[in-house]
C-alpha atoms as a PDB file:
ATOM      1  CA  MET A   1      -1.213 -61.297 -27.396  1.00  0.00           C
ATOM      2  CA  ALA A   2       0.322 -64.683 -27.139  1.00  0.00           C
ATOM      3  CA  THR A   3      -1.292 -67.085 -29.563  1.00  0.00           C
ATOM      4  CA  GLU A   4       0.699 -70.247 -29.175  1.00  0.00           C
ATOM      5  CA  ALA A   5       2.171 -72.348 -26.437  1.00  0.00           C
ATOM      6  CA  HIS A   6       5.798 -72.497 -25.523  1.00  0.00           C
ATOM      7  CA  GLY A   7       7.805 -74.397 -28.146  1.00  0.00           C
ATOM      8  CA  GLU A   8      10.539 -76.568 -26.700  1.00  0.00           C
ATOM      9  CA  ASP A   9      10.228 -78.534 -23.518  1.00  0.00           C
ATOM     10  CA  THR A  10      11.922 -76.764 -20.662  1.00  0.00           C
ATOM     11  CA  GLY A  11      11.563 -79.562 -18.166  1.00  0.00           C
ATOM     12  CA  LEU A  12       8.620 -77.955 -16.404  1.00  0.00           C
ATOM     13  CA  VAL A  13       5.346 -79.837 -16.156  1.00  0.00           C
ATOM     14  CA  PHE A  14       3.387 -76.583 -16.209  1.00  0.00           C
ATOM     15  CA  HIS A  15       3.633 -73.147 -17.762  1.00  0.00           C
ATOM     16  CA  PRO A  16       2.010 -70.343 -15.722  1.00  0.00           C
ATOM     17  CA  MET A  17       1.676 -68.153 -18.816  1.00  0.00           C
ATOM     18  CA  ASP A  18      -0.277 -70.715 -20.827  1.00  0.00           C
ATOM     19  CA  GLN A  19      -3.523 -69.521 -19.225  1.00  0.00           C
ATOM     20  CA  PHE A  20      -3.125 -66.253 -21.220  1.00  0.00           C
ATOM     21  CA  ILE A  21      -2.950 -67.895 -24.664  1.00  0.00           C
ATOM     22  CA  VAL A  22      -5.620 -66.661 -27.065  1.00  0.00           C
ATOM     23  CA  LYS A  23      -7.408 -69.615 -28.667  1.00  0.00           C
ATOM     24  CA  PRO A  24     -10.184 -69.790 -31.264  1.00  0.00           C
ATOM     25  CA  LEU A  25     -13.544 -70.919 -29.952  1.00  0.00           C
ATOM     26  CA  PHE A  26     -14.085 -73.284 -32.830  1.00  0.00           C
ATOM     27  CA  GLY A  27     -11.321 -75.493 -34.173  1.00  0.00           C
ATOM     28  CA  ASP A  28      -7.566 -75.114 -33.826  1.00  0.00           C
ATOM     29  CA  GLY A  29      -6.759 -72.840 -36.745  1.00  0.00           C
ATOM     30  CA  PRO A  30      -4.865 -69.550 -36.703  1.00  0.00           C
ATOM     31  CA  VAL A  31      -6.320 -66.507 -34.943  1.00  0.00           C
ATOM     32  CA  HIS A  32      -7.284 -63.650 -37.246  1.00  0.00           C
ATOM     33  CA  TRP A  33      -8.879 -60.307 -36.341  1.00  0.00           C
ATOM     34  CA  TYR A  34     -12.330 -61.724 -37.137  1.00  0.00           C
ATOM     35  CA  THR A  35     -11.861 -65.073 -35.358  1.00  0.00           C
ATOM     36  CA  PRO A  36     -14.143 -65.646 -32.328  1.00  0.00           C
ATOM     37  CA  THR A  37     -11.760 -66.407 -29.454  1.00  0.00           C
ATOM     38  CA  ASN A  38     -11.804 -67.020 -25.724  1.00  0.00           C
ATOM     39  CA  VAL A  39     -11.143 -63.273 -25.374  1.00  0.00           C
ATOM     40  CA  THR A  40     -14.255 -62.501 -27.429  1.00  0.00           C
ATOM     41  CA  LEU A  41     -16.333 -64.822 -25.304  1.00  0.00           C
ATOM     42  CA  TRP A  42     -15.316 -63.416 -21.925  1.00  0.00           C
ATOM     43  CA  LEU A  43     -15.569 -59.817 -23.064  1.00  0.00           C
ATOM     44  CA  ALA A  44     -19.122 -60.548 -24.185  1.00  0.00           C
ATOM     45  CA  LEU A  45     -19.874 -62.227 -20.836  1.00  0.00           C
ATOM     46  CA  ALA A  46     -18.629 -59.157 -18.989  1.00  0.00           C
ATOM     47  CA  ALA A  47     -21.007 -56.979 -21.014  1.00  0.00           C
ATOM     48  CA  LEU A  48     -23.898 -59.379 -20.406  1.00  0.00           C
ATOM     49  CA  SER A  49     -23.160 -59.436 -16.681  1.00  0.00           C
ATOM     50  CA  ILE A  50     -23.369 -55.638 -16.565  1.00  0.00           C
ATOM     51  CA  PHE A  51     -26.677 -55.773 -18.427  1.00  0.00           C
ATOM     52  CA  ALA A  52     -27.991 -58.401 -16.001  1.00  0.00           C
ATOM     53  CA  LEU A  53     -27.084 -56.399 -12.936  1.00  0.00           C
ATOM     54  CA  PHE A  54     -28.146 -52.908 -13.972  1.00  0.00           C
ATOM     55  CA  VAL A  55     -31.047 -53.675 -16.303  1.00  0.00           C
ATOM     56  CA  LEU A  56     -32.556 -56.988 -15.287  1.00  0.00           C
ATOM     57  CA  GLY A  57     -31.601 -56.675 -11.664  1.00  0.00           C
ATOM     58  CA  THR A  58     -33.223 -53.263 -11.206  1.00  0.00           C
ATOM     59  CA  ARG A  59     -36.403 -53.714 -13.273  1.00  0.00           C
ATOM     60  CA  GLY A  60     -38.660 -53.636 -10.201  1.00  0.00           C
ATOM     61  CA  ARG A  61     -37.022 -50.554  -8.660  1.00  0.00           C
ATOM     62  CA  ALA A  62     -38.677 -51.282  -5.342  1.00  0.00           C
ATOM     63  CA  LEU A  63     -38.794 -48.713  -2.553  1.00  0.00           C
ATOM     64  CA  ILE A  64     -37.195 -51.401  -0.351  1.00  0.00           C
ATOM     65  CA  PRO A  65     -34.478 -52.629  -2.727  1.00  0.00           C
ATOM     66  CA  THR A  66     -33.472 -56.214  -3.199  1.00  0.00           C
ATOM     67  CA  ARG A  67     -29.850 -57.237  -2.723  1.00  0.00           C
ATOM     68  CA  VAL A  68     -29.175 -56.971  -6.431  1.00  0.00           C
ATOM     69  CA  GLN A  69     -30.774 -53.538  -6.650  1.00  0.00           C
ATOM     70  CA  SER A  70     -28.815 -52.409  -3.575  1.00  0.00           C
ATOM     71  CA  LEU A  71     -25.560 -53.593  -5.144  1.00  0.00           C
ATOM     72  CA  ALA A  72     -26.373 -51.693  -8.350  1.00  0.00           C
ATOM     73  CA  GLU A  73     -27.345 -48.514  -6.505  1.00  0.00           C
ATOM     74  CA  LEU A  74     -24.210 -48.726  -4.340  1.00  0.00           C
ATOM     75  CA  THR A  75     -21.982 -49.029  -7.359  1.00  0.00           C
ATOM     76  CA  TYR A  76     -23.777 -46.233  -9.167  1.00  0.00           C
ATOM     77  CA  GLY A  77     -23.563 -43.914  -6.169  1.00  0.00           C
ATOM     78  CA  MET A  78     -19.879 -44.624  -5.541  1.00  0.00           C
ATOM     79  CA  VAL A  79     -18.798 -43.826  -9.109  1.00  0.00           C
ATOM     80  CA  HIS A  80     -21.087 -40.789  -9.256  1.00  0.00           C
ATOM     81  CA  LYS A  81     -19.505 -39.398  -6.116  1.00  0.00           C
ATOM     82  CA  MET A  82     -16.030 -40.149  -7.457  1.00  0.00           C
ATOM     83  CA  VAL A  83     -16.688 -38.192 -10.675  1.00  0.00           C
ATOM     84  CA  GLU A  84     -18.194 -35.258  -8.834  1.00  0.00           C
ATOM     85  CA  ASP A  85     -15.443 -35.086  -6.203  1.00  0.00           C
ATOM     86  CA  VAL A  86     -12.583 -35.240  -8.730  1.00  0.00           C
ATOM     87  CA  THR A  87     -13.908 -33.306 -11.733  1.00  0.00           C
ATOM     88  CA  GLY A  88     -16.593 -31.116 -10.162  1.00  0.00           C
ATOM     89  CA  ARG A  89     -20.148 -30.797 -11.307  1.00  0.00           C
ATOM     90  CA  ASP A  90     -18.927 -29.968 -14.799  1.00  0.00           C
ATOM     91  CA  GLY A  91     -17.687 -33.503 -15.147  1.00  0.00           C
ATOM     92  CA  LEU A  92     -21.013 -35.172 -14.300  1.00  0.00           C
ATOM     93  CA  LYS A  93     -22.182 -34.966 -17.948  1.00  0.00           C
ATOM     94  CA  TYR A  94     -19.426 -37.514 -18.717  1.00  0.00           C
ATOM     95  CA  PHE A  95     -20.469 -39.821 -15.864  1.00  0.00           C
ATOM     96  CA  PRO A  96     -22.137 -42.438 -18.121  1.00  0.00           C
ATOM     97  CA  TYR A  97     -18.844 -43.154 -19.878  1.00  0.00           C
ATOM     98  CA  VAL A  98     -16.809 -43.295 -16.675  1.00  0.00           C
ATOM     99  CA  PHE A  99     -19.413 -45.515 -15.035  1.00  0.00           C
ATOM    100  CA  THR A 100     -19.454 -47.890 -18.027  1.00  0.00           C
ATOM    101  CA  LEU A 101     -15.675 -48.045 -17.935  1.00  0.00           C
ATOM    102  CA  PHE A 102     -15.586 -48.898 -14.226  1.00  0.00           C
ATOM    103  CA  CYS A 103     -18.253 -51.595 -14.530  1.00  0.00           C
ATOM    104  CA  PHE A 104     -16.660 -53.201 -17.575  1.00  0.00           C
ATOM    105  CA  ILE A 105     -13.187 -53.427 -15.979  1.00  0.00           C
ATOM    106  CA  LEU A 106     -14.617 -54.637 -12.681  1.00  0.00           C
ATOM    107  CA  PHE A 107     -16.670 -57.402 -14.236  1.00  0.00           C
ATOM    108  CA  ALA A 108     -13.879 -58.432 -16.578  1.00  0.00           C
ATOM    109  CA  ASN A 109     -11.509 -58.701 -13.617  1.00  0.00           C
ATOM    110  CA  LEU A 110     -13.909 -60.679 -11.456  1.00  0.00           C
ATOM    111  CA  LEU A 111     -15.020 -63.033 -14.255  1.00  0.00           C
ATOM    112  CA  GLY A 112     -11.319 -63.830 -14.895  1.00  0.00           C
ATOM    113  CA  LEU A 113     -11.163 -65.345 -11.409  1.00  0.00           C
ATOM    114  CA  LEU A 114     -13.736 -68.011 -12.162  1.00  0.00           C
ATOM    115  CA  PRO A 115     -12.421 -71.576 -12.766  1.00  0.00           C
ATOM    116  CA  LYS A 116     -11.778 -72.333 -16.448  1.00  0.00           C
ATOM    117  CA  SER A 117     -12.358 -68.660 -17.307  1.00  0.00           C
ATOM    118  CA  PHE A 118     -10.107 -66.299 -19.247  1.00  0.00           C
ATOM    119  CA  SER A 119      -8.774 -63.048 -17.817  1.00  0.00           C
ATOM    120  CA  THR A 120      -9.290 -60.494 -20.610  1.00  0.00           C
ATOM    121  CA  THR A 121      -7.788 -57.597 -18.717  1.00  0.00           C
ATOM    122  CA  SER A 122      -4.461 -59.469 -18.409  1.00  0.00           C
ATOM    123  CA  HIS A 123      -3.830 -58.629 -22.055  1.00  0.00           C
ATOM    124  CA  ILE A 124      -2.294 -55.309 -22.958  1.00  0.00           C
ATOM    125  CA  ALA A 125      -4.219 -55.332 -26.209  1.00  0.00           C
ATOM    126  CA  VAL A 126      -7.446 -54.981 -24.195  1.00  0.00           C
ATOM    127  CA  THR A 127      -6.268 -52.479 -21.628  1.00  0.00           C
ATOM    128  CA  ALA A 128      -4.439 -50.419 -24.216  1.00  0.00           C
ATOM    129  CA  VAL A 129      -7.615 -49.890 -26.177  1.00  0.00           C
ATOM    130  CA  LEU A 130      -9.439 -48.733 -23.023  1.00  0.00           C
ATOM    131  CA  ALA A 131      -6.565 -46.384 -22.130  1.00  0.00           C
ATOM    132  CA  LEU A 132      -6.286 -44.983 -25.665  1.00  0.00           C
ATOM    133  CA  PHE A 133      -9.987 -44.189 -25.750  1.00  0.00           C
ATOM    134  CA  VAL A 134      -9.571 -42.267 -22.509  1.00  0.00           C
ATOM    135  CA  PHE A 135      -6.447 -40.477 -23.722  1.00  0.00           C
ATOM    136  CA  LEU A 136      -7.871 -39.483 -27.084  1.00  0.00           C
ATOM    137  CA  GLY A 137     -11.231 -38.547 -25.671  1.00  0.00           C
ATOM    138  CA  VAL A 138      -9.750 -36.372 -22.962  1.00  0.00           C
ATOM    139  CA  THR A 139      -7.270 -34.700 -25.362  1.00  0.00           C
ATOM    140  CA  ILE A 140      -9.965 -33.927 -27.940  1.00  0.00           C
ATOM    141  CA  LEU A 141     -12.356 -32.679 -25.271  1.00  0.00           C
ATOM    142  CA  GLY A 142      -9.626 -30.463 -23.832  1.00  0.00           C
ATOM    143  CA  PHE A 143      -9.065 -28.692 -27.162  1.00  0.00           C
ATOM    144  CA  VAL A 144     -12.788 -28.493 -27.969  1.00  0.00           C
ATOM    145  CA  LEU A 145     -13.671 -26.867 -24.640  1.00  0.00           C
ATOM    146  CA  ASN A 146     -10.590 -24.715 -24.157  1.00  0.00           C
ATOM    147  CA  GLY A 147      -8.970 -24.261 -27.565  1.00  0.00           C
ATOM    148  CA  SER A 148      -5.330 -23.269 -27.354  1.00  0.00           C
ATOM    149  CA  HIS A 149      -5.745 -22.582 -23.631  1.00  0.00           C
ATOM    150  CA  PHE A 150      -5.585 -26.322 -23.118  1.00  0.00           C
ATOM    151  CA  LEU A 151      -1.844 -26.076 -23.711  1.00  0.00           C
ATOM    152  CA  GLY A 152      -1.746 -24.216 -20.377  1.00  0.00           C
ATOM    153  CA  LEU A 153      -1.776 -27.659 -18.853  1.00  0.00           C
ATOM    154  CA  PHE A 154       1.900 -27.949 -19.785  1.00  0.00           C
ATOM    155  CA  TRP A 155       2.930 -24.437 -18.761  1.00  0.00           C
ATOM    156  CA  VAL A 156       3.532 -24.254 -14.997  1.00  0.00           C
ATOM    157  CA  LYS A 157       2.902 -20.605 -14.174  1.00  0.00           C
ATOM    158  CA  SER A 158       3.725 -21.058 -10.498  1.00  0.00           C
ATOM    159  CA  ALA A 159       7.325 -22.067 -11.344  1.00  0.00           C
ATOM    160  CA  PRO A 160      10.184 -19.615 -11.942  1.00  0.00           C
ATOM    161  CA  LEU A 161      10.243 -18.336 -15.523  1.00  0.00           C
ATOM    162  CA  ALA A 162      13.635 -19.927 -16.297  1.00  0.00           C
ATOM    163  CA  LEU A 163      12.301 -23.382 -15.308  1.00  0.00           C
ATOM    164  CA  ARG A 164       9.018 -23.235 -17.155  1.00  0.00           C
ATOM    165  CA  PRO A 165      10.317 -24.462 -20.563  1.00  0.00           C
ATOM    166  CA  VAL A 166      12.030 -27.420 -18.921  1.00  0.00           C
ATOM    167  CA  LEU A 167       8.938 -28.270 -16.882  1.00  0.00           C
ATOM    168  CA  ALA A 168       6.822 -27.907 -20.043  1.00  0.00           C
ATOM    169  CA  VAL A 169       8.865 -30.607 -21.772  1.00  0.00           C
ATOM    170  CA  ILE A 170       8.585 -32.865 -18.703  1.00  0.00           C
ATOM    171  CA  GLU A 171       4.814 -32.256 -18.511  1.00  0.00           C
ATOM    172  CA  LEU A 172       4.459 -32.997 -22.233  1.00  0.00           C
ATOM    173  CA  ILE A 173       6.350 -36.288 -21.961  1.00  0.00           C
ATOM    174  CA  SER A 174       4.397 -37.364 -18.882  1.00  0.00           C
ATOM    175  CA  TYR A 175       1.143 -36.513 -20.688  1.00  0.00           C
ATOM    176  CA  PHE A 176       1.888 -38.851 -23.601  1.00  0.00           C
ATOM    177  CA  VAL A 177       3.094 -41.593 -21.241  1.00  0.00           C
ATOM    178  CA  ARG A 178      -0.352 -41.625 -19.634  1.00  0.00           C
ATOM    179  CA  PRO A 179      -1.978 -44.260 -21.875  1.00  0.00           C
ATOM    180  CA  VAL A 180       1.100 -46.492 -21.493  1.00  0.00           C
ATOM    181  CA  SER A 181       1.090 -46.423 -17.667  1.00  0.00           C
ATOM    182  CA  HIS A 182      -2.690 -46.487 -17.582  1.00  0.00           C
ATOM    183  CA  SER A 183      -2.864 -49.749 -19.570  1.00  0.00           C
ATOM    184  CA  ILE A 184       0.234 -51.503 -18.249  1.00  0.00           C
ATOM    185  CA  ARG A 185      -0.738 -50.939 -14.587  1.00  0.00           C
ATOM    186  CA  LEU A 186      -4.010 -52.813 -15.066  1.00  0.00           C
ATOM    187  CA  ALA A 187      -2.716 -55.625 -17.276  1.00  0.00           C
ATOM    188  CA  GLY A 188       0.435 -56.170 -15.212  1.00  0.00           C
ATOM    189  CA  ASN A 189      -1.308 -56.445 -11.877  1.00  0.00           C
ATOM    190  CA  VAL A 190      -3.971 -58.839 -13.210  1.00  0.00           C
ATOM    191  CA  MET A 191      -1.457 -61.037 -15.052  1.00  0.00           C
ATOM    192  CA  ALA A 192       0.997 -61.245 -12.137  1.00  0.00           C
ATOM    193  CA  GLY A 193      -1.681 -62.388  -9.717  1.00  0.00           C
ATOM    194  CA  HIS A 194      -3.044 -65.094 -12.005  1.00  0.00           C
ATOM    195  CA  ALA A 195       0.472 -66.375 -12.782  1.00  0.00           C
ATOM    196  CA  VAL A 196       1.305 -66.650  -9.044  1.00  0.00           C
ATOM    197  CA  ILE A 197      -1.930 -68.595  -8.390  1.00  0.00           C
ATOM    198  CA  LYS A 198      -1.002 -70.982 -11.208  1.00  0.00           C
ATOM    199  CA  VAL A 199       2.453 -71.533  -9.701  1.00  0.00           C
ATOM    200  CA  PHE A 200       0.980 -72.383  -6.296  1.00  0.00           C
ATOM    201  CA  ALA A 201      -1.554 -74.677  -7.945  1.00  0.00           C
ATOM    202  CA  ALA A 202       1.257 -76.641  -9.605  1.00  0.00           C
ATOM    203  CA  PHE A 203       2.844 -77.396  -6.208  1.00  0.00           C
ATOM    204  CA  ALA A 204      -0.485 -78.716  -4.900  1.00  0.00           C
ATOM    205  CA  ALA A 205       0.227 -81.991  -6.734  1.00  0.00           C
ATOM    206  CA  ILE A 206       3.186 -82.634  -4.388  1.00  0.00           C
ATOM    207  CA  ALA A 207       1.751 -84.400  -1.333  1.00  0.00           C
ATOM    208  CA  ALA A 208       4.368 -83.110   1.128  1.00  0.00           C
ATOM    209  CA  ILE A 209       3.556 -79.432   0.506  1.00  0.00           C
ATOM    210  CA  ALA A 210      -0.011 -79.706  -0.808  1.00  0.00           C
ATOM    211  CA  PRO A 211      -1.656 -78.212   2.371  1.00  0.00           C
ATOM    212  CA  ILE A 212       0.693 -75.221   2.319  1.00  0.00           C
ATOM    213  CA  SER A 213       0.085 -74.762  -1.425  1.00  0.00           C
ATOM    214  CA  ILE A 214      -3.720 -74.860  -1.010  1.00  0.00           C
ATOM    215  CA  LEU A 215      -3.579 -72.280   1.802  1.00  0.00           C
ATOM    216  CA  ALA A 216      -1.396 -70.106  -0.392  1.00  0.00           C
ATOM    217  CA  ILE A 217      -3.875 -70.410  -3.248  1.00  0.00           C
ATOM    218  CA  LEU A 218      -6.781 -69.422  -0.967  1.00  0.00           C
ATOM    219  CA  GLY A 219      -4.816 -66.414   0.303  1.00  0.00           C
ATOM    220  CA  MET A 220      -3.775 -65.308  -3.222  1.00  0.00           C
ATOM    221  CA  TYR A 221      -7.322 -65.816  -4.469  1.00  0.00           C
ATOM    222  CA  GLY A 222      -8.707 -63.545  -1.756  1.00  0.00           C
ATOM    223  CA  LEU A 223      -6.060 -60.996  -2.571  1.00  0.00           C
ATOM    224  CA  GLU A 224      -6.872 -61.181  -6.267  1.00  0.00           C
ATOM    225  CA  VAL A 225     -10.555 -60.443  -5.615  1.00  0.00           C
ATOM    226  CA  LEU A 226      -9.358 -57.301  -3.767  1.00  0.00           C
ATOM    227  CA  VAL A 227      -6.949 -56.458  -6.599  1.00  0.00           C
ATOM    228  CA  ALA A 228      -9.765 -56.848  -9.171  1.00  0.00           C
ATOM    229  CA  VAL A 229     -11.822 -54.198  -7.414  1.00  0.00           C
ATOM    230  CA  ILE A 230      -8.908 -51.887  -6.614  1.00  0.00           C
ATOM    231  CA  GLN A 231      -7.587 -51.933 -10.172  1.00  0.00           C
ATOM    232  CA  ALA A 232     -10.990 -51.046 -11.573  1.00  0.00           C
ATOM    233  CA  TYR A 233     -11.179 -48.193  -9.063  1.00  0.00           C
ATOM    234  CA  VAL A 234      -7.652 -46.972  -9.876  1.00  0.00           C
ATOM    235  CA  PHE A 235      -8.233 -47.025 -13.612  1.00  0.00           C
ATOM    236  CA  THR A 236     -11.443 -45.099 -13.151  1.00  0.00           C
ATOM    237  CA  ILE A 237     -10.172 -42.476 -10.750  1.00  0.00           C
ATOM    238  CA  LEU A 238      -7.178 -41.790 -13.059  1.00  0.00           C
ATOM    239  CA  THR A 239      -9.671 -41.324 -15.847  1.00  0.00           C
ATOM    240  CA  CYS A 240     -11.467 -38.724 -13.696  1.00  0.00           C
ATOM    241  CA  VAL A 241      -8.124 -36.961 -13.003  1.00  0.00           C
ATOM    242  CA  TYR A 242      -7.381 -36.786 -16.727  1.00  0.00           C
ATOM    243  CA  LEU A 243     -10.897 -35.562 -17.349  1.00  0.00           C
ATOM    244  CA  LYS A 244     -10.412 -32.806 -14.775  1.00  0.00           C
ATOM    245  CA  ASP A 245      -7.295 -31.680 -16.660  1.00  0.00           C
ATOM    246  CA  ALA A 246      -9.383 -31.361 -19.845  1.00  0.00           C
ATOM    247  CA  LEU A 247     -12.114 -29.376 -18.073  1.00  0.00           C
ATOM    248  CA  HIS A 248      -9.719 -27.148 -16.064  1.00  0.00           C
ATOM    249  CA  PRO A 249      -6.322 -27.209 -17.769  1.00  0.00           C
ATOM    250  CA  ALA A 250      -4.680 -24.218 -16.108  1.00  0.00           C
ATOM    251  CA  HIS A 251      -2.109 -24.977 -13.390  1.00  0.00           C
END
């Protein structure tokens, strides 16, 4: 994570990447692993938002649901169907983890779009932890459920015998690349969108192009709301695909 601003003056009056700087909540001292920071704050707010929607928002559980209850039920049903469709009924026992993962990423993405907020999922340190938990969890689960048969995931029986060792190496490399691509995809998309919005916002101070800049910001903001939902969905469905490999490793 970046913890300090750019050093020398480059002639620019703005730095699009400054919005991703990790800062302590109290004082201006160095950031240690135990220091409460803006990342800590917005991660906690994401967790509290999930609690507010799914616990406080559904306390009544009315037969005719309120808008909040409808939103909670729609989200629950969508992720439940995703897990069942991709992994089969065997994967439904892991639905609580997948559902929590989806909600956490979704709320972290959306909260990062609020004015003066901090986009936690733009940091690889956050997304890498999420991806590593998925990778390690799926790998351990695969060996626990299947034993040595889990290695069948890397042995393509449908291929000609001469090609199988080569394909096994390729499959093995691609398997260990999963947490890298899983985390970079989310962080890269979120960071890129926020940086572009900041660039357009800087041009809004120029009177001649301010209207164009404002329209561009509105367009990008709408796109980023869509990206926030899509990236949460993509991260979750890839988790389901990896979970399916652990449950049914044979090609």
